[in-house]
Each structure stands twice: as structure tokens, then as C-alpha cells.
Amino acid sequence: MTHGSQNAWVHGGLLLVGDAAHAGRADGQGANIAFEDAAVLGALVRQNGLGHKAFAAWEEVRQPRVRDILWDPKPDGATRSALIQNSAFEQLWCPLRVAAALPAGVRQEVQEAVARGGVEAGRQVVINWSQRAIRELVEAKAPIASGSNLALDPHYRFWPELLLGVSVR
């Protein structure tokens, strides 16, 4: 990024956003800033239409914010990295909540796994069940049953492996 220079991210009908406009350190802030870019651009396009006026307004609004985040010298890179790596994030999903929507047998298996080995054990049961269910769907719809030429493709028999990350050999 050219620090604060007008038209650094906009040229006619071309607009650079995210890392294309303002690549920074590998500390997770780039993705956050890219989401902000999209939200602000969306609001400005709604106000000004899709074109140079919205793009110029976006650049004017975003450059100071991006500069403040990406080029803030405090804390230093090592400290920022350590803070990010050692952060405790809330789990995005709980296997017991997910299991409530699964077949009764799987739900019971998840509950037992959580009781026996904790949340990670329950999560693994859900993942294993999901992989089996997807594999069954793929195999049920496989062109092999219909005699399709696709079944003759030497790579076809490895598709479940590619889709599910499980070995079929």
C-alpha cells in the first residue's frame, strides 16, 4: 500500500480490496480488514451506485483505518503473534448440540463419547458419522451402477477419497 496516497487502490473502474490493496503481516488482521472492506464498499455502493464515486469514497474512508491497524508499531510483531497463538477462542460448535439433529443411534454415541472422552471425542464421532453418510450418498449415486463411461475413468474409484479424505484402497 502506498501510505495514504489518493488513487493507490482505485484506477478508473478498477478497485483493489483486501490484501491486493493492503497486504500486511501474517497475524490475522488482513482477513478482518478484508471483511471490513467488503462491508464498507457494500454500504457505499448502495449510497452512490457502482462506480468511481463509491470507489473514491471507499478509498478515502478505508486508508486511515487500514493504516492504523496494519502499521501500528505496538505491540511488536513477536508480541502480537504470541497473543494470537495463545488466545483461547470459544468453540464454534458443540457436538451435543449438533447431535440433537442426528439419528438416535448417532446421538447416543455422541453423548457417550462426550461423557467418556470430552468434547473432542464427541466431535470426532460427529465427523466420522458425517464422512460415512457422505460416502454412502456418493456411492449410491455413483455412475458405476448405471454403466456410465465415467466408471471407466481410472481416477473415478478414488473420488470418495478426494471428497471425504478417507482411503478406499
N, C-alpha and C. Protein backbone atom coordinates (compact mmCIF):
# COMPACT_ATOMS: atom_id res chain seq x y z
N MET A 1 0.85 -1.18 0.00
CA MET A 1 0.00 0.00 0.00
C MET A 1 0.88 1.23 0.00
N THR A 2 0.53 2.16 -0.79
CA THR A 2 1.17 3.46 -0.73
C THR A 2 0.47 4.20 0.39
N HIS A 3 1.19 4.50 1.45
CA HIS A 3 0.57 5.07 2.65
C HIS A 3 -0.19 6.35 2.35
N GLY A 4 -1.53 6.25 2.37
CA GLY A 4 -2.37 7.42 2.29
C GLY A 4 -2.41 8.12 0.95
N SER A 5 -1.82 7.55 -0.09
CA SER A 5 -1.84 8.26 -1.36
C SER A 5 -3.17 8.03 -2.06
N GLN A 6 -3.74 9.12 -2.53
CA GLN A 6 -5.02 9.05 -3.22
C GLN A 6 -4.84 8.27 -4.51
N ASN A 7 -5.84 7.49 -4.87
CA ASN A 7 -5.85 6.67 -6.07
C ASN A 7 -4.84 5.52 -6.04
N ALA A 8 -4.39 5.14 -4.86
CA ALA A 8 -3.49 3.99 -4.75
C ALA A 8 -4.27 2.69 -4.94
N TRP A 9 -5.56 2.69 -4.59
CA TRP A 9 -6.37 1.48 -4.66
C TRP A 9 -7.45 1.56 -5.73
N VAL A 10 -7.59 2.72 -6.36
CA VAL A 10 -8.64 2.93 -7.37
C VAL A 10 -8.00 3.46 -8.64
N HIS A 11 -8.36 2.86 -9.74
CA HIS A 11 -7.90 3.36 -11.04
C HIS A 11 -9.04 3.14 -12.02
N GLY A 12 -9.75 4.21 -12.33
CA GLY A 12 -10.91 4.10 -13.23
C GLY A 12 -11.95 3.17 -12.64
N GLY A 13 -12.29 2.13 -13.37
CA GLY A 13 -13.28 1.16 -12.90
C GLY A 13 -12.68 0.01 -12.14
N LEU A 14 -11.38 0.08 -11.84
CA LEU A 14 -10.69 -0.99 -11.12
C LEU A 14 -10.52 -0.59 -9.66
N LEU A 15 -10.86 -1.50 -8.77
CA LEU A 15 -10.75 -1.26 -7.34
C LEU A 15 -10.02 -2.43 -6.70
N LEU A 16 -8.97 -2.15 -5.97
CA LEU A 16 -8.26 -3.19 -5.23
C LEU A 16 -8.81 -3.24 -3.81
N VAL A 17 -9.11 -4.45 -3.33
CA VAL A 17 -9.59 -4.62 -1.96
C VAL A 17 -8.79 -5.73 -1.29
N GLY A 18 -8.94 -5.85 0.02
CA GLY A 18 -8.26 -6.90 0.76
C GLY A 18 -6.75 -6.81 0.61
N ASP A 19 -6.09 -7.97 0.60
CA ASP A 19 -4.64 -8.00 0.51
C ASP A 19 -4.11 -7.40 -0.78
N ALA A 20 -4.91 -7.39 -1.83
CA ALA A 20 -4.46 -6.76 -3.08
C ALA A 20 -4.21 -5.28 -2.88
N ALA A 21 -4.98 -4.65 -2.00
CA ALA A 21 -4.81 -3.23 -1.71
C ALA A 21 -3.84 -2.99 -0.57
N HIS A 22 -3.87 -3.84 0.41
CA HIS A 22 -3.13 -3.54 1.64
C HIS A 22 -2.65 -4.81 2.33
N ALA A 23 -1.70 -5.51 1.72
CA ALA A 23 -1.13 -6.69 2.36
C ALA A 23 -0.38 -6.27 3.61
N GLY A 24 -0.49 -7.08 4.64
CA GLY A 24 0.17 -6.75 5.90
C GLY A 24 0.81 -7.98 6.50
N ARG A 25 1.04 -7.91 7.77
CA ARG A 25 1.65 -9.02 8.50
C ARG A 25 0.71 -10.23 8.51
N ALA A 26 1.30 -11.39 8.71
CA ALA A 26 0.51 -12.62 8.77
C ALA A 26 0.03 -12.86 10.20
N ASP A 27 -0.78 -11.94 10.71
CA ASP A 27 -1.26 -12.07 12.09
C ASP A 27 -2.78 -12.14 12.17
N GLY A 28 -3.43 -12.35 11.05
CA GLY A 28 -4.88 -12.49 11.05
C GLY A 28 -5.63 -11.20 10.80
N GLN A 29 -4.95 -10.08 10.84
CA GLN A 29 -5.65 -8.82 10.66
C GLN A 29 -6.06 -8.60 9.20
N GLY A 30 -5.32 -9.17 8.27
CA GLY A 30 -5.65 -8.99 6.86
C GLY A 30 -7.04 -9.48 6.52
N ALA A 31 -7.41 -10.64 7.05
CA ALA A 31 -8.75 -11.18 6.79
C ALA A 31 -9.82 -10.29 7.42
N ASN A 32 -9.57 -9.84 8.63
CA ASN A 32 -10.53 -8.95 9.28
C ASN A 32 -10.73 -7.67 8.49
N ILE A 33 -9.63 -7.11 8.02
CA ILE A 33 -9.71 -5.87 7.26
C ILE A 33 -10.42 -6.11 5.93
N ALA A 34 -10.20 -7.25 5.32
CA ALA A 34 -10.88 -7.56 4.06
C ALA A 34 -12.39 -7.63 4.26
N PHE A 35 -12.84 -8.21 5.38
CA PHE A 35 -14.28 -8.23 5.68
C PHE A 35 -14.81 -6.81 5.85
N GLU A 36 -14.04 -6.00 6.56
CA GLU A 36 -14.44 -4.59 6.71
C GLU A 36 -14.52 -3.91 5.35
N ASP A 37 -13.51 -4.16 4.50
CA ASP A 37 -13.51 -3.58 3.16
C ASP A 37 -14.83 -3.88 2.45
N ALA A 38 -15.23 -5.14 2.48
CA ALA A 38 -16.44 -5.56 1.78
C ALA A 38 -17.68 -4.89 2.34
N ALA A 39 -17.77 -4.82 3.66
CA ALA A 39 -18.95 -4.21 4.29
C ALA A 39 -19.05 -2.72 3.96
N VAL A 40 -17.93 -2.02 4.07
CA VAL A 40 -17.93 -0.58 3.78
C VAL A 40 -18.20 -0.34 2.30
N LEU A 41 -17.59 -1.13 1.43
CA LEU A 41 -17.82 -0.97 0.00
C LEU A 41 -19.30 -1.21 -0.33
N GLY A 42 -19.89 -2.24 0.26
CA GLY A 42 -21.30 -2.51 0.02
C GLY A 42 -22.18 -1.33 0.40
N ALA A 43 -21.91 -0.74 1.56
CA ALA A 43 -22.70 0.41 2.01
C ALA A 43 -22.52 1.60 1.07
N LEU A 44 -21.29 1.84 0.65
CA LEU A 44 -21.03 2.99 -0.23
C LEU A 44 -21.61 2.78 -1.63
N VAL A 45 -21.61 1.56 -2.11
CA VAL A 45 -22.22 1.28 -3.41
C VAL A 45 -23.73 1.48 -3.33
N ARG A 46 -24.35 1.07 -2.22
CA ARG A 46 -25.78 1.32 -2.04
C ARG A 46 -26.09 2.82 -2.05
N GLN A 47 -25.21 3.61 -1.45
CA GLN A 47 -25.42 5.06 -1.39
C GLN A 47 -25.13 5.76 -2.71
N ASN A 48 -24.05 5.34 -3.38
CA ASN A 48 -23.54 6.10 -4.53
C ASN A 48 -23.62 5.37 -5.86
N GLY A 49 -24.10 4.14 -5.86
CA GLY A 49 -24.09 3.36 -7.09
C GLY A 49 -22.72 2.75 -7.32
N LEU A 50 -22.67 1.79 -8.24
CA LEU A 50 -21.42 1.10 -8.53
C LEU A 50 -20.62 1.93 -9.52
N GLY A 51 -19.54 2.52 -9.05
CA GLY A 51 -18.73 3.34 -9.93
C GLY A 51 -17.69 4.14 -9.18
N HIS A 52 -17.08 5.07 -9.89
CA HIS A 52 -15.94 5.82 -9.37
C HIS A 52 -16.27 6.57 -8.07
N LYS A 53 -17.46 7.14 -7.97
CA LYS A 53 -17.81 7.91 -6.77
C LYS A 53 -17.76 7.02 -5.52
N ALA A 54 -18.35 5.84 -5.60
CA ALA A 54 -18.32 4.90 -4.47
C ALA A 54 -16.89 4.43 -4.20
N PHE A 55 -16.14 4.15 -5.27
CA PHE A 55 -14.78 3.66 -5.12
C PHE A 55 -13.88 4.70 -4.45
N ALA A 56 -13.99 5.95 -4.90
CA ALA A 56 -13.18 7.03 -4.32
C ALA A 56 -13.54 7.26 -2.86
N ALA A 57 -14.83 7.21 -2.54
CA ALA A 57 -15.26 7.38 -1.15
C ALA A 57 -14.74 6.23 -0.30
N TRP A 58 -14.78 5.02 -0.85
CA TRP A 58 -14.30 3.84 -0.12
C TRP A 58 -12.82 4.00 0.20
N GLU A 59 -12.03 4.39 -0.79
CA GLU A 59 -10.60 4.55 -0.59
C GLU A 59 -10.32 5.62 0.48
N GLU A 60 -11.05 6.70 0.43
CA GLU A 60 -10.86 7.79 1.39
C GLU A 60 -11.17 7.35 2.81
N VAL A 61 -12.21 6.55 2.97
CA VAL A 61 -12.62 6.08 4.29
C VAL A 61 -11.70 4.97 4.80
N ARG A 62 -11.29 4.07 3.92
CA ARG A 62 -10.55 2.88 4.34
C ARG A 62 -9.07 3.13 4.60
N GLN A 63 -8.43 4.02 3.86
CA GLN A 63 -6.98 4.18 4.03
C GLN A 63 -6.56 4.51 5.45
N PRO A 64 -7.20 5.45 6.14
CA PRO A 64 -6.77 5.74 7.51
C PRO A 64 -6.97 4.54 8.45
N ARG A 65 -8.08 3.84 8.31
CA ARG A 65 -8.36 2.68 9.18
C ARG A 65 -7.32 1.58 8.94
N VAL A 66 -7.06 1.27 7.70
CA VAL A 66 -6.09 0.23 7.37
C VAL A 66 -4.71 0.62 7.87
N ARG A 67 -4.32 1.87 7.66
CA ARG A 67 -3.01 2.35 8.13
C ARG A 67 -2.91 2.19 9.65
N ASP A 68 -3.96 2.56 10.37
CA ASP A 68 -3.94 2.47 11.83
C ASP A 68 -3.79 1.04 12.31
N ILE A 69 -4.40 0.10 11.61
CA ILE A 69 -4.34 -1.30 12.04
C ILE A 69 -3.04 -1.97 11.61
N LEU A 70 -2.71 -1.86 10.33
CA LEU A 70 -1.57 -2.62 9.81
C LEU A 70 -0.22 -2.02 10.16
N TRP A 71 -0.16 -0.73 10.35
CA TRP A 71 1.14 -0.12 10.60
C TRP A 71 1.28 0.42 12.02
N ASP A 72 0.45 -0.07 12.92
CA ASP A 72 0.57 0.29 14.33
C ASP A 72 1.77 -0.46 14.90
N PRO A 73 2.80 0.24 15.37
CA PRO A 73 4.01 -0.45 15.82
C PRO A 73 3.86 -1.15 17.17
N LYS A 74 2.79 -0.90 17.88
CA LYS A 74 2.62 -1.53 19.19
C LYS A 74 1.40 -2.42 19.17
N PRO A 75 1.44 -3.58 19.71
CA PRO A 75 2.66 -4.26 20.15
C PRO A 75 3.48 -4.72 18.95
N ASP A 76 4.74 -5.08 19.22
CA ASP A 76 5.60 -5.52 18.13
C ASP A 76 5.11 -6.86 17.58
N GLY A 77 5.65 -7.24 16.44
CA GLY A 77 5.20 -8.45 15.74
C GLY A 77 5.28 -9.71 16.58
N ALA A 78 6.37 -9.89 17.33
CA ALA A 78 6.51 -11.10 18.15
C ALA A 78 5.44 -11.15 19.23
N THR A 79 5.16 -10.01 19.85
CA THR A 79 4.13 -9.96 20.90
C THR A 79 2.76 -10.22 20.30
N ARG A 80 2.47 -9.59 19.16
CA ARG A 80 1.18 -9.80 18.50
C ARG A 80 1.00 -11.26 18.15
N SER A 81 2.03 -11.87 17.60
CA SER A 81 1.96 -13.27 17.20
C SER A 81 1.70 -14.16 18.41
N ALA A 82 2.42 -13.92 19.50
CA ALA A 82 2.22 -14.71 20.72
C ALA A 82 0.81 -14.55 21.26
N LEU A 83 0.30 -13.33 21.26
CA LEU A 83 -1.06 -13.09 21.74
C LEU A 83 -2.08 -13.86 20.90
N ILE A 84 -1.90 -13.84 19.60
CA ILE A 84 -2.83 -14.54 18.71
C ILE A 84 -2.73 -16.04 18.90
N GLN A 85 -1.50 -16.56 18.94
CA GLN A 85 -1.30 -18.00 19.05
C GLN A 85 -1.81 -18.56 20.38
N ASN A 86 -1.77 -17.76 21.43
CA ASN A 86 -2.16 -18.25 22.75
C ASN A 86 -3.56 -17.83 23.15
N SER A 87 -4.31 -17.29 22.22
CA SER A 87 -5.69 -16.89 22.54
C SER A 87 -6.56 -18.13 22.68
N ALA A 88 -7.48 -18.06 23.59
CA ALA A 88 -8.45 -19.14 23.76
C ALA A 88 -9.76 -18.70 23.13
N PHE A 89 -10.12 -19.35 22.03
CA PHE A 89 -11.34 -18.98 21.33
C PHE A 89 -12.47 -19.93 21.74
N GLU A 90 -13.66 -19.39 21.77
CA GLU A 90 -14.84 -20.20 22.06
C GLU A 90 -15.05 -21.17 20.90
N GLN A 91 -15.41 -22.40 21.23
CA GLN A 91 -15.68 -23.39 20.19
C GLN A 91 -16.86 -22.93 19.34
N LEU A 92 -16.75 -23.12 18.03
CA LEU A 92 -17.81 -22.68 17.13
C LEU A 92 -19.01 -23.62 17.13
N TRP A 93 -18.79 -24.88 17.46
CA TRP A 93 -19.93 -25.79 17.54
C TRP A 93 -19.68 -26.84 18.61
N CYS A 94 -20.77 -27.26 19.21
CA CYS A 94 -20.72 -28.24 20.28
C CYS A 94 -21.31 -29.55 19.74
N PRO A 95 -20.61 -30.66 19.87
CA PRO A 95 -21.13 -31.91 19.32
C PRO A 95 -22.48 -32.31 19.92
N LEU A 96 -22.74 -31.95 21.17
CA LEU A 96 -24.03 -32.31 21.76
C LEU A 96 -25.17 -31.56 21.09
N ARG A 97 -24.95 -30.29 20.74
CA ARG A 97 -26.00 -29.53 20.04
C ARG A 97 -26.19 -30.07 18.63
N VAL A 98 -25.11 -30.40 17.95
CA VAL A 98 -25.20 -30.95 16.60
C VAL A 98 -25.89 -32.31 16.64
N ALA A 99 -25.57 -33.11 17.63
CA ALA A 99 -26.12 -34.46 17.74
C ALA A 99 -27.63 -34.46 17.89
N ALA A 100 -28.20 -33.40 18.41
CA ALA A 100 -29.65 -33.34 18.59
C ALA A 100 -30.39 -33.51 17.27
N ALA A 101 -29.76 -33.15 16.16
CA ALA A 101 -30.40 -33.26 14.85
C ALA A 101 -30.04 -34.56 14.13
N LEU A 102 -29.22 -35.40 14.73
CA LEU A 102 -28.77 -36.63 14.10
C LEU A 102 -29.66 -37.80 14.48
N PRO A 103 -29.55 -38.93 13.76
CA PRO A 103 -30.33 -40.12 14.12
C PRO A 103 -30.06 -40.54 15.56
N ALA A 104 -31.05 -41.17 16.18
CA ALA A 104 -30.99 -41.51 17.61
C ALA A 104 -29.73 -42.30 17.97
N GLY A 105 -29.35 -43.27 17.16
CA GLY A 105 -28.16 -44.07 17.46
C GLY A 105 -26.89 -43.24 17.48
N VAL A 106 -26.77 -42.32 16.55
CA VAL A 106 -25.60 -41.45 16.49
C VAL A 106 -25.62 -40.48 17.66
N ARG A 107 -26.79 -39.95 17.95
CA ARG A 107 -26.94 -39.03 19.09
C ARG A 107 -26.45 -39.70 20.37
N GLN A 108 -26.86 -40.95 20.58
CA GLN A 108 -26.45 -41.70 21.77
C GLN A 108 -24.93 -41.90 21.78
N GLU A 109 -24.38 -42.24 20.61
CA GLU A 109 -22.94 -42.45 20.50
C GLU A 109 -22.17 -41.17 20.83
N VAL A 110 -22.67 -40.03 20.37
CA VAL A 110 -22.02 -38.74 20.66
C VAL A 110 -22.07 -38.47 22.16
N GLN A 111 -23.23 -38.66 22.76
CA GLN A 111 -23.37 -38.42 24.20
C GLN A 111 -22.41 -39.29 25.01
N GLU A 112 -22.31 -40.55 24.63
CA GLU A 112 -21.39 -41.45 25.33
C GLU A 112 -19.93 -41.04 25.13
N ALA A 113 -19.59 -40.63 23.91
CA ALA A 113 -18.21 -40.21 23.63
C ALA A 113 -17.85 -38.97 24.43
N VAL A 114 -18.77 -38.01 24.52
CA VAL A 114 -18.51 -36.79 25.30
C VAL A 114 -18.34 -37.15 26.77
N ALA A 115 -19.19 -38.03 27.28
CA ALA A 115 -19.10 -38.43 28.69
C ALA A 115 -17.78 -39.15 28.97
N ARG A 116 -17.35 -39.94 28.01
CA ARG A 116 -16.14 -40.75 28.18
C ARG A 116 -14.87 -39.96 27.92
N GLY A 117 -14.86 -39.16 26.82
CA GLY A 117 -13.61 -38.53 26.41
C GLY A 117 -13.66 -37.03 26.19
N GLY A 118 -14.78 -36.40 26.50
CA GLY A 118 -14.87 -34.95 26.36
C GLY A 118 -15.38 -34.51 25.00
N VAL A 119 -15.39 -33.20 24.83
CA VAL A 119 -15.96 -32.58 23.63
C VAL A 119 -15.26 -33.06 22.36
N GLU A 120 -13.94 -33.17 22.40
CA GLU A 120 -13.21 -33.57 21.19
C GLU A 120 -13.59 -34.99 20.76
N ALA A 121 -13.81 -35.88 21.70
CA ALA A 121 -14.24 -37.24 21.36
C ALA A 121 -15.62 -37.22 20.71
N GLY A 122 -16.52 -36.40 21.24
CA GLY A 122 -17.85 -36.26 20.64
C GLY A 122 -17.77 -35.66 19.25
N ARG A 123 -16.92 -34.68 19.09
CA ARG A 123 -16.73 -34.03 17.79
C ARG A 123 -16.25 -35.06 16.76
N GLN A 124 -15.35 -35.94 17.17
CA GLN A 124 -14.84 -36.95 16.24
C GLN A 124 -15.93 -37.92 15.83
N VAL A 125 -16.83 -38.27 16.73
CA VAL A 125 -17.95 -39.15 16.38
C VAL A 125 -18.82 -38.48 15.32
N VAL A 126 -19.11 -37.20 15.50
CA VAL A 126 -19.93 -36.47 14.51
C VAL A 126 -19.22 -36.43 13.16
N ILE A 127 -17.92 -36.14 13.17
CA ILE A 127 -17.16 -36.08 11.92
C ILE A 127 -17.15 -37.44 11.23
N ASN A 128 -16.90 -38.50 11.99
CA ASN A 128 -16.88 -39.84 11.40
C ASN A 128 -18.24 -40.20 10.81
N TRP A 129 -19.33 -39.89 11.53
CA TRP A 129 -20.67 -40.16 11.02
C TRP A 129 -20.91 -39.37 9.73
N SER A 130 -20.51 -38.11 9.71
CA SER A 130 -20.69 -37.26 8.52
C SER A 130 -19.95 -37.85 7.32
N GLN A 131 -18.73 -38.28 7.54
CA GLN A 131 -17.95 -38.86 6.44
C GLN A 131 -18.60 -40.14 5.92
N ARG A 132 -19.10 -40.98 6.83
CA ARG A 132 -19.79 -42.20 6.40
C ARG A 132 -21.05 -41.87 5.61
N ALA A 133 -21.82 -40.91 6.10
CA ALA A 133 -23.07 -40.54 5.43
C ALA A 133 -22.80 -39.99 4.03
N ILE A 134 -21.79 -39.15 3.90
CA ILE A 134 -21.44 -38.59 2.60
C ILE A 134 -20.95 -39.69 1.67
N ARG A 135 -20.13 -40.57 2.20
CA ARG A 135 -19.62 -41.68 1.38
C ARG A 135 -20.77 -42.54 0.86
N GLU A 136 -21.74 -42.83 1.71
CA GLU A 136 -22.89 -43.63 1.28
C GLU A 136 -23.67 -42.91 0.18
N LEU A 137 -23.82 -41.60 0.31
CA LEU A 137 -24.52 -40.84 -0.73
C LEU A 137 -23.76 -40.87 -2.04
N VAL A 138 -22.45 -40.67 -1.97
CA VAL A 138 -21.63 -40.68 -3.18
C VAL A 138 -21.70 -42.04 -3.85
N GLU A 139 -21.56 -43.10 -3.06
CA GLU A 139 -21.58 -44.44 -3.63
C GLU A 139 -22.95 -44.78 -4.19
N ALA A 140 -24.02 -44.33 -3.55
CA ALA A 140 -25.37 -44.61 -4.02
C ALA A 140 -25.65 -43.93 -5.36
N LYS A 141 -25.04 -42.80 -5.58
CA LYS A 141 -25.28 -42.06 -6.82
C LYS A 141 -24.19 -42.28 -7.86
N ALA A 142 -23.29 -43.20 -7.57
CA ALA A 142 -22.14 -43.43 -8.44
C ALA A 142 -22.58 -43.93 -9.81
N PRO A 143 -21.94 -43.41 -10.86
CA PRO A 143 -22.26 -43.86 -12.22
C PRO A 143 -21.92 -45.32 -12.47
N ILE A 144 -21.15 -45.95 -11.59
CA ILE A 144 -20.81 -47.36 -11.77
C ILE A 144 -22.09 -48.18 -11.89
N ALA A 145 -23.07 -47.88 -11.07
CA ALA A 145 -24.33 -48.63 -11.07
C ALA A 145 -25.09 -48.46 -12.38
N SER A 146 -24.95 -47.32 -13.03
CA SER A 146 -25.70 -47.07 -14.26
C SER A 146 -24.92 -47.46 -15.52
N GLY A 147 -23.70 -47.94 -15.36
CA GLY A 147 -22.90 -48.34 -16.51
C GLY A 147 -22.31 -47.16 -17.27
N SER A 148 -22.24 -46.00 -16.65
CA SER A 148 -21.70 -44.80 -17.29
C SER A 148 -20.24 -45.00 -17.64
N ASN A 149 -19.80 -44.34 -18.71
CA ASN A 149 -18.38 -44.38 -19.09
C ASN A 149 -17.49 -43.77 -18.03
N LEU A 150 -18.08 -42.92 -17.19
CA LEU A 150 -17.31 -42.30 -16.13
C LEU A 150 -16.69 -43.35 -15.22
N ALA A 151 -17.38 -44.47 -15.07
CA ALA A 151 -16.87 -45.54 -14.21
C ALA A 151 -15.57 -46.12 -14.76
N LEU A 152 -15.32 -45.93 -16.05
CA LEU A 152 -14.09 -46.44 -16.64
C LEU A 152 -12.90 -45.52 -16.39
N ASP A 153 -13.17 -44.31 -15.95
CA ASP A 153 -12.11 -43.35 -15.63
C ASP A 153 -11.24 -43.94 -14.53
N PRO A 154 -9.92 -44.10 -14.76
CA PRO A 154 -9.07 -44.73 -13.74
C PRO A 154 -9.03 -43.96 -12.42
N HIS A 155 -9.35 -42.66 -12.45
CA HIS A 155 -9.33 -41.86 -11.23
C HIS A 155 -10.65 -41.93 -10.47
N TYR A 156 -11.71 -42.42 -11.15
CA TYR A 156 -13.04 -42.37 -10.56
C TYR A 156 -13.10 -43.11 -9.22
N ARG A 157 -12.45 -44.27 -9.14
CA ARG A 157 -12.58 -45.05 -7.91
C ARG A 157 -11.95 -44.34 -6.71
N PHE A 158 -11.17 -43.29 -6.94
CA PHE A 158 -10.57 -42.55 -5.83
C PHE A 158 -11.35 -41.30 -5.47
N TRP A 159 -12.46 -41.02 -6.15
CA TRP A 159 -13.23 -39.82 -5.84
C TRP A 159 -13.68 -39.76 -4.39
N PRO A 160 -14.19 -40.87 -3.81
CA PRO A 160 -14.57 -40.78 -2.39
C PRO A 160 -13.39 -40.36 -1.52
N GLU A 161 -12.19 -40.82 -1.88
CA GLU A 161 -11.01 -40.43 -1.14
C GLU A 161 -10.81 -38.92 -1.22
N LEU A 162 -10.97 -38.38 -2.42
CA LEU A 162 -10.78 -36.95 -2.61
C LEU A 162 -11.86 -36.16 -1.89
N LEU A 163 -13.10 -36.63 -1.95
CA LEU A 163 -14.21 -35.91 -1.34
C LEU A 163 -14.19 -36.00 0.18
N LEU A 164 -13.85 -37.17 0.69
CA LEU A 164 -14.01 -37.41 2.12
C LEU A 164 -12.71 -37.47 2.89
N GLY A 165 -11.61 -37.57 2.18
CA GLY A 165 -10.34 -37.69 2.88
C GLY A 165 -10.16 -39.04 3.54
N VAL A 166 -10.85 -40.07 3.01
CA VAL A 166 -10.72 -41.42 3.58
C VAL A 166 -10.20 -42.35 2.49
N SER A 167 -9.50 -43.37 2.89
CA SER A 167 -8.93 -44.30 1.93
C SER A 167 -9.96 -45.35 1.53
N VAL A 168 -10.03 -45.65 0.24
CA VAL A 168 -10.92 -46.70 -0.25
C VAL A 168 -10.12 -47.90 -0.75
N ARG A 169 -8.84 -47.87 -0.56
CA ARG A 169 -7.98 -48.96 -1.03
C ARG A 169 -7.94 -50.09 -0.04
